[in-house]
N, C-alpha and C. Protein backbone atom coordinates (compact mmCIF):
# COMPACT_ATOMS: atom_id res chain seq x y z
N MET A 1 0.84 -1.18 0.00
CA MET A 1 0.00 0.00 0.00
C MET A 1 0.89 1.24 0.00
N ALA A 2 0.53 2.23 -0.81
CA ALA A 2 1.33 3.44 -0.92
C ALA A 2 1.14 4.33 0.29
N VAL A 3 2.24 4.84 0.79
CA VAL A 3 2.21 5.74 1.93
C VAL A 3 2.90 7.03 1.51
N PRO A 4 2.24 8.20 1.69
CA PRO A 4 2.87 9.46 1.28
C PRO A 4 4.06 9.80 2.15
N LYS A 5 5.12 10.34 1.52
CA LYS A 5 6.32 10.73 2.27
C LYS A 5 6.11 12.05 3.00
N CYS A 6 5.37 12.98 2.34
CA CYS A 6 5.14 14.30 2.95
C CYS A 6 3.68 14.67 2.79
N LYS A 7 3.22 15.57 3.64
CA LYS A 7 1.86 16.06 3.55
C LYS A 7 1.73 16.97 2.33
N VAL A 8 0.66 16.78 1.59
CA VAL A 8 0.36 17.66 0.46
C VAL A 8 -0.66 18.67 0.95
N SER A 9 -0.32 19.95 0.86
CA SER A 9 -1.21 20.99 1.35
C SER A 9 -2.49 21.05 0.52
N LYS A 10 -3.53 21.66 1.09
CA LYS A 10 -4.81 21.75 0.39
C LYS A 10 -4.68 22.57 -0.89
N ALA A 11 -3.87 23.62 -0.85
CA ALA A 11 -3.70 24.46 -2.04
C ALA A 11 -3.03 23.68 -3.16
N ARG A 12 -2.00 22.91 -2.81
CA ARG A 12 -1.29 22.14 -3.83
C ARG A 12 -2.17 21.03 -4.39
N ARG A 13 -2.93 20.38 -3.54
CA ARG A 13 -3.84 19.32 -3.96
C ARG A 13 -4.92 19.88 -4.88
N ASP A 14 -5.50 21.03 -4.51
CA ASP A 14 -6.58 21.61 -5.29
C ASP A 14 -6.09 22.15 -6.63
N LYS A 15 -4.84 22.63 -6.68
CA LYS A 15 -4.28 23.08 -7.95
C LYS A 15 -4.16 21.92 -8.93
N ARG A 16 -3.78 20.76 -8.44
CA ARG A 16 -3.64 19.59 -9.29
C ARG A 16 -5.00 19.08 -9.73
N ARG A 17 -5.95 19.06 -8.84
CA ARG A 17 -7.26 18.52 -9.16
C ARG A 17 -8.09 19.46 -10.03
N GLY A 18 -7.89 20.75 -9.90
CA GLY A 18 -8.73 21.71 -10.60
C GLY A 18 -8.18 22.21 -11.90
N SER A 19 -7.17 21.53 -12.45
CA SER A 19 -6.57 22.03 -13.69
C SER A 19 -7.40 21.69 -14.92
N ASN A 20 -8.39 20.80 -14.81
CA ASN A 20 -9.16 20.36 -15.97
C ASN A 20 -10.61 20.84 -15.91
N TRP A 21 -10.84 22.04 -15.46
CA TRP A 21 -12.22 22.49 -15.24
C TRP A 21 -12.85 23.13 -16.46
N LYS A 22 -12.05 23.51 -17.47
CA LYS A 22 -12.61 24.22 -18.61
C LYS A 22 -13.34 23.24 -19.54
N LEU A 23 -14.47 23.69 -20.07
CA LEU A 23 -15.23 22.89 -21.02
C LEU A 23 -14.86 23.33 -22.43
N SER A 24 -14.90 22.41 -23.35
CA SER A 24 -14.64 22.76 -24.73
C SER A 24 -15.94 23.20 -25.39
N ALA A 25 -15.84 24.10 -26.36
CA ALA A 25 -17.02 24.59 -27.06
C ALA A 25 -17.59 23.48 -27.94
N PRO A 26 -18.93 23.36 -27.99
CA PRO A 26 -19.50 22.31 -28.83
C PRO A 26 -19.29 22.62 -30.30
N SER A 27 -19.10 21.57 -31.09
CA SER A 27 -18.91 21.77 -32.52
C SER A 27 -20.27 22.05 -33.15
N VAL A 28 -20.27 22.88 -34.18
CA VAL A 28 -21.50 23.29 -34.84
C VAL A 28 -21.34 23.06 -36.34
N ALA A 29 -22.31 22.38 -36.93
CA ALA A 29 -22.34 22.17 -38.38
C ALA A 29 -23.39 23.09 -38.99
N VAL A 30 -23.44 23.12 -40.31
CA VAL A 30 -24.42 23.95 -41.01
C VAL A 30 -25.39 23.02 -41.73
N CYS A 31 -26.68 23.29 -41.60
CA CYS A 31 -27.70 22.49 -42.27
C CYS A 31 -27.57 22.71 -43.78
N PRO A 32 -27.46 21.62 -44.58
CA PRO A 32 -27.29 21.80 -46.02
C PRO A 32 -28.55 22.33 -46.71
N LYS A 33 -29.72 22.16 -46.09
CA LYS A 33 -30.95 22.59 -46.74
C LYS A 33 -31.27 24.06 -46.46
N CYS A 34 -31.23 24.45 -45.18
CA CYS A 34 -31.64 25.81 -44.84
C CYS A 34 -30.50 26.70 -44.38
N GLY A 35 -29.33 26.14 -44.07
CA GLY A 35 -28.18 26.94 -43.69
C GLY A 35 -28.13 27.33 -42.23
N GLU A 36 -29.02 26.81 -41.42
CA GLU A 36 -29.02 27.12 -39.99
C GLU A 36 -27.91 26.34 -39.28
N PRO A 37 -27.34 26.90 -38.21
CA PRO A 37 -26.35 26.13 -37.44
C PRO A 37 -27.03 25.00 -36.67
N VAL A 38 -26.45 23.81 -36.76
CA VAL A 38 -27.02 22.61 -36.15
C VAL A 38 -25.90 21.84 -35.48
N MET A 39 -26.19 21.21 -34.35
CA MET A 39 -25.22 20.32 -33.75
C MET A 39 -25.10 19.06 -34.61
N PRO A 40 -23.90 18.51 -34.75
CA PRO A 40 -23.73 17.35 -35.63
C PRO A 40 -24.53 16.14 -35.17
N HIS A 41 -24.99 15.34 -36.12
CA HIS A 41 -25.73 14.10 -35.88
C HIS A 41 -27.05 14.36 -35.17
N ARG A 42 -27.68 15.51 -35.47
CA ARG A 42 -28.99 15.83 -34.92
C ARG A 42 -29.85 16.44 -36.02
N ALA A 43 -31.14 16.27 -35.90
CA ALA A 43 -32.05 16.84 -36.89
C ALA A 43 -32.08 18.36 -36.74
N CYS A 44 -32.28 19.04 -37.87
CA CYS A 44 -32.34 20.50 -37.88
C CYS A 44 -33.68 20.92 -37.29
N LYS A 45 -33.67 21.84 -36.34
CA LYS A 45 -34.91 22.29 -35.72
C LYS A 45 -35.65 23.28 -36.60
N ALA A 46 -34.94 23.92 -37.52
CA ALA A 46 -35.57 24.92 -38.38
C ALA A 46 -36.37 24.27 -39.51
N CYS A 47 -35.77 23.29 -40.19
CA CYS A 47 -36.46 22.67 -41.33
C CYS A 47 -36.86 21.23 -41.08
N GLY A 48 -36.33 20.56 -40.06
CA GLY A 48 -36.73 19.20 -39.70
C GLY A 48 -36.09 18.11 -40.52
N THR A 49 -34.97 18.40 -41.20
CA THR A 49 -34.33 17.37 -42.01
C THR A 49 -33.12 16.79 -41.29
N TYR A 50 -32.81 15.53 -41.64
CA TYR A 50 -31.61 14.87 -41.16
C TYR A 50 -31.15 13.91 -42.24
N ASN A 51 -29.90 14.02 -42.63
CA ASN A 51 -29.29 13.14 -43.63
C ASN A 51 -30.07 13.18 -44.95
N GLY A 52 -30.56 14.35 -45.31
CA GLY A 52 -31.26 14.53 -46.58
C GLY A 52 -32.72 14.09 -46.57
N ARG A 53 -33.26 13.69 -45.41
CA ARG A 53 -34.64 13.23 -45.33
C ARG A 53 -35.41 14.09 -44.34
N GLN A 54 -36.70 14.21 -44.52
CA GLN A 54 -37.58 14.93 -43.61
C GLN A 54 -37.92 13.99 -42.46
N VAL A 55 -37.48 14.34 -41.22
CA VAL A 55 -37.73 13.46 -40.08
C VAL A 55 -38.59 14.12 -39.01
N LEU A 56 -38.69 15.44 -39.03
CA LEU A 56 -39.53 16.16 -38.07
C LEU A 56 -40.55 16.99 -38.81
N ALA A 57 -41.76 17.05 -38.26
CA ALA A 57 -42.77 17.92 -38.82
C ALA A 57 -42.60 19.31 -38.21
N VAL A 58 -42.28 20.29 -39.04
CA VAL A 58 -42.06 21.65 -38.57
C VAL A 58 -43.11 22.56 -39.19
N GLU A 59 -43.74 23.37 -38.35
CA GLU A 59 -44.77 24.30 -38.85
C GLU A 59 -44.11 25.45 -39.59
N ALA A 60 -44.69 25.83 -40.70
CA ALA A 60 -44.16 26.97 -41.47
C ALA A 60 -44.57 28.27 -40.78
N GLU A 61 -43.62 29.18 -40.73
CA GLU A 61 -43.92 30.46 -40.07
C GLU A 61 -44.35 31.50 -41.07
């Protein structure tokens, strides 16, 4: 069993643990039909298409 040689202070421990707190920005694709920004691998909320097919019923405004 591992035994620490010296005490690690709270500040030093928290600096090590908290170095990975930033989130990466989500990637955004463009809908080929209407040009709206869409998250990849999801149906477009504006026109309701996915992979060239109509999959959602969207009311016309």
